[in-house]
Protein backbone atom coordinates (compact mmCIF):
# COMPACT_ATOMS: atom_id res chain seq x y z
CA UNK A 1 91.99 70.31 111.96
CA UNK A 2 91.62 66.67 112.47
CA UNK A 3 91.71 65.58 116.15
CA UNK A 4 95.25 63.56 115.30
CA UNK A 5 96.58 66.95 114.22
CA UNK A 6 94.96 69.20 116.80
CA UNK A 7 96.16 66.53 119.76
CA UNK A 8 99.77 66.72 118.15
CA UNK A 9 99.73 70.41 118.23
CA UNK A 10 98.49 70.21 122.12
CA UNK A 11 100.90 68.48 122.78
CA UNK A 12 103.63 69.77 120.91
CA UNK A 13 103.19 73.09 122.47
CA UNK A 14 103.24 71.69 125.81
CA UNK A 15 106.60 69.65 125.56
CA UNK A 16 108.03 72.49 123.33
CA UNK A 17 106.93 75.52 124.83
CA UNK A 18 109.90 77.22 127.36
CA UNK A 19 111.29 80.16 129.38
CA UNK A 20 112.44 82.81 127.29
CA UNK A 21 114.84 85.28 129.04
CA UNK A 22 116.39 87.54 126.24
CA UNK A 23 114.28 88.59 123.57
CA UNK A 24 114.73 90.82 120.08
CA UNK A 25 114.78 94.24 119.85
CA UNK A 26 110.90 93.66 118.43
CA UNK A 27 107.87 94.93 120.28
CA UNK A 28 105.09 92.03 119.98
CA UNK A 29 102.02 93.25 118.20
CA UNK A 30 99.16 94.50 120.46
CA UNK A 31 96.94 92.10 118.52
CA UNK A 32 99.26 89.21 119.71
CA UNK A 33 99.52 90.47 123.19
CA UNK A 34 95.62 90.66 123.42
CA UNK A 35 95.16 87.14 121.82
CA UNK A 36 97.09 85.83 124.70
CA UNK A 37 94.82 87.43 127.92
CA UNK A 38 92.06 85.82 125.70
CA UNK A 39 93.77 82.42 125.84
CA UNK A 40 94.23 83.38 129.60
CA UNK A 41 90.71 84.34 130.53
CA UNK A 42 89.79 80.74 129.37
CA UNK A 43 90.91 78.94 131.92
CA UNK A 44 88.81 77.41 134.37
CA UNK A 45 87.98 79.01 137.89
CA UNK A 46 85.57 77.96 140.76
CA UNK A 47 82.07 78.94 140.30
CA UNK A 48 83.91 81.11 137.02
CA UNK A 49 84.05 84.08 138.79
CA UNK A 50 87.19 84.59 136.92
CA UNK A 51 88.86 87.02 139.32
CA UNK A 52 92.09 87.47 137.36
CA UNK A 53 93.02 90.97 135.74
CA UNK A 54 95.72 92.29 133.85
CA UNK A 55 98.12 95.16 133.92
CA UNK A 56 99.94 95.26 130.28
CA UNK A 57 103.50 97.67 130.40
CA UNK A 58 105.14 98.22 127.65
CA UNK A 59 106.17 101.64 128.98
CA UNK A 60 110.33 101.34 129.43
CA UNK A 61 110.24 103.46 132.17
CA UNK A 62 107.67 101.57 133.86
CA UNK A 63 109.84 98.02 133.32
CA UNK A 64 113.16 100.02 134.32
CA UNK A 65 111.30 100.74 137.85
CA UNK A 66 110.13 96.81 138.18
CA UNK A 67 113.45 95.55 137.40
CA UNK A 68 114.79 97.43 140.94
CA UNK A 69 112.27 95.23 142.59
CA UNK A 70 113.70 91.41 141.56
CA UNK A 71 117.24 90.00 141.29
CA UNK A 72 115.84 89.40 137.20
CA UNK A 73 116.34 92.79 136.66
CA UNK A 74 117.17 91.89 133.35
CA UNK A 75 114.43 90.12 131.99
CA UNK A 76 112.20 92.77 133.72
CA UNK A 77 114.46 95.81 131.88
CA UNK A 78 114.64 94.43 128.51
CA UNK A 79 111.53 92.25 128.19
CA UNK A 80 109.40 94.12 125.42
CA UNK A 81 105.91 93.56 126.92
CA UNK A 82 105.39 92.44 130.59
CA UNK A 83 101.12 91.57 131.64
CA UNK A 84 101.44 91.94 135.22
CA UNK A 85 98.92 89.00 136.53
CA UNK A 86 96.36 89.87 139.71
CA UNK A 87 93.26 88.84 141.15
CA UNK A 88 90.66 91.05 142.02
CA UNK A 89 89.94 90.45 145.72
CA UNK A 90 86.42 90.95 145.53
CA UNK A 91 85.99 88.35 143.16
CA UNK A 92 88.09 85.79 145.08
CA UNK A 93 86.08 83.01 146.66
CA UNK A 94 88.90 80.78 148.11
CA UNK A 95 92.53 81.99 147.93
CA UNK A 96 94.03 78.44 146.99
CA UNK A 97 91.29 77.68 144.57
CA UNK A 98 91.80 81.38 142.63
CA UNK A 99 95.34 81.25 143.07
CA UNK A 100 95.26 77.54 141.25
CA UNK A 101 93.06 79.35 138.36
CA UNK A 102 95.32 82.19 138.10
CA UNK A 103 97.46 79.49 137.68
CA UNK A 104 95.61 77.60 134.81
CA UNK A 105 95.26 81.46 133.51
CA UNK A 106 99.45 81.97 132.86
CA UNK A 107 99.71 78.48 131.78
CA UNK A 108 96.96 79.42 128.92
CA UNK A 109 98.92 82.41 128.26
CA UNK A 110 102.18 80.67 127.96
CA UNK A 111 101.00 78.21 125.40
CA UNK A 112 98.89 80.50 123.51
CA UNK A 113 102.05 82.59 123.53
CA UNK A 114 104.69 80.26 121.82
CA UNK A 115 101.74 79.25 119.47
CA UNK A 116 101.85 83.19 118.09
CA UNK A 117 105.82 82.74 118.02
CA UNK A 118 106.63 84.72 121.11
CA UNK A 119 108.49 83.74 124.15
CA UNK A 120 107.51 84.26 127.68
CA UNK A 121 109.38 83.86 131.22
CA UNK A 122 106.75 83.47 134.12
CA UNK A 123 108.79 85.68 137.16
CA UNK A 124 107.33 84.97 140.78
CA UNK A 125 110.15 86.39 142.99
CA UNK A 126 109.06 89.52 142.35
CA UNK A 127 106.30 88.74 144.39
CA UNK A 128 108.19 89.51 147.55
CA UNK A 129 108.02 93.05 146.75
CA UNK A 130 103.89 93.32 145.91
CA UNK A 131 103.26 96.55 147.63
CA UNK A 132 106.10 97.95 145.95
CA UNK A 133 105.17 96.71 142.59
CA UNK A 134 101.58 97.94 143.34
CA UNK A 135 102.62 101.11 144.12
CA UNK A 136 104.85 101.51 140.78
CA UNK A 137 101.61 100.30 138.37
CA UNK A 138 99.28 103.06 140.92
CA UNK A 139 97.27 100.02 141.78
CA UNK A 140 95.39 100.23 145.03
CA UNK A 141 96.90 97.69 147.52
CA UNK A 142 93.81 96.52 148.97
CA UNK A 143 91.67 95.87 145.86
CA UNK A 144 94.84 93.42 144.11
CA UNK A 145 96.51 90.89 144.75
CA UNK A 146 99.39 89.97 143.06
CA UNK A 147 99.87 86.19 140.93
CA UNK A 148 102.77 86.91 138.76
CA UNK A 149 104.97 89.28 136.01
CA UNK A 150 105.23 87.35 132.40
CA UNK A 151 107.73 88.37 130.16
CA UNK A 152 106.81 88.66 126.54
CA UNK A 153 108.85 88.87 123.16
CA UNK A 154 110.33 87.50 120.09
CA UNK A 155 112.95 84.69 121.39
CA UNK A 156 116.27 85.26 121.10
CA UNK A 157 117.41 82.94 123.46
CA UNK A 158 119.26 80.05 122.19
CA UNK A 159 120.16 78.64 125.57
CA UNK A 160 119.16 75.09 125.82
CA UNK A 161 115.49 73.51 127.67
CA UNK A 162 116.24 72.35 130.90
CA UNK A 163 115.44 68.46 131.10
CA UNK A 164 112.35 66.70 133.28
CA UNK A 165 112.65 63.51 135.05
CA UNK A 166 111.30 60.76 134.12
CA UNK A 167 107.74 60.01 134.60
CA UNK A 168 108.38 57.31 137.23
CA UNK A 169 110.48 60.60 139.48
CA UNK A 170 106.96 61.66 140.28
CA UNK A 171 104.57 59.09 140.71
CA UNK A 172 104.24 57.83 144.48
CA UNK A 173 101.43 55.45 144.25
CA UNK A 174 99.01 54.10 141.81
CA UNK A 175 96.59 51.39 143.15
């Protein structure tokens, strides 16, 4: 791919990806889910500690149980696949820096899913019930710190993408 085409593809993904909350009744291929995770692990991390860990949730029963822990019940219950993103506490060296790395990991995952024709929704409200989520997933509470739950599937969502303020809204100062 030529440099200009590559640049256009990157910006197309960034500017066109959006949160998808409704999915077709079709399960994404396991290979695509693994490709998304692989893109995630290539995110930068401080000291290259790579603290992220994932739980892939295919089970309808598990999704139903998790759906009871969030106000976004329908998204969680109806997502063909959920990916829990966690930080392994023993691999962390600085909480803020490691959470920033997890955010970069998640963004890589969202963009790669878009490139593969899949839709995603980054869910964070469920974090308020982190211990209950770990109970459902049978994870040790003291070993992992939850960062997000990502819903993944083939899009069936025709809603309009949310707009953004113009760039000047965000620039505090230019020196």
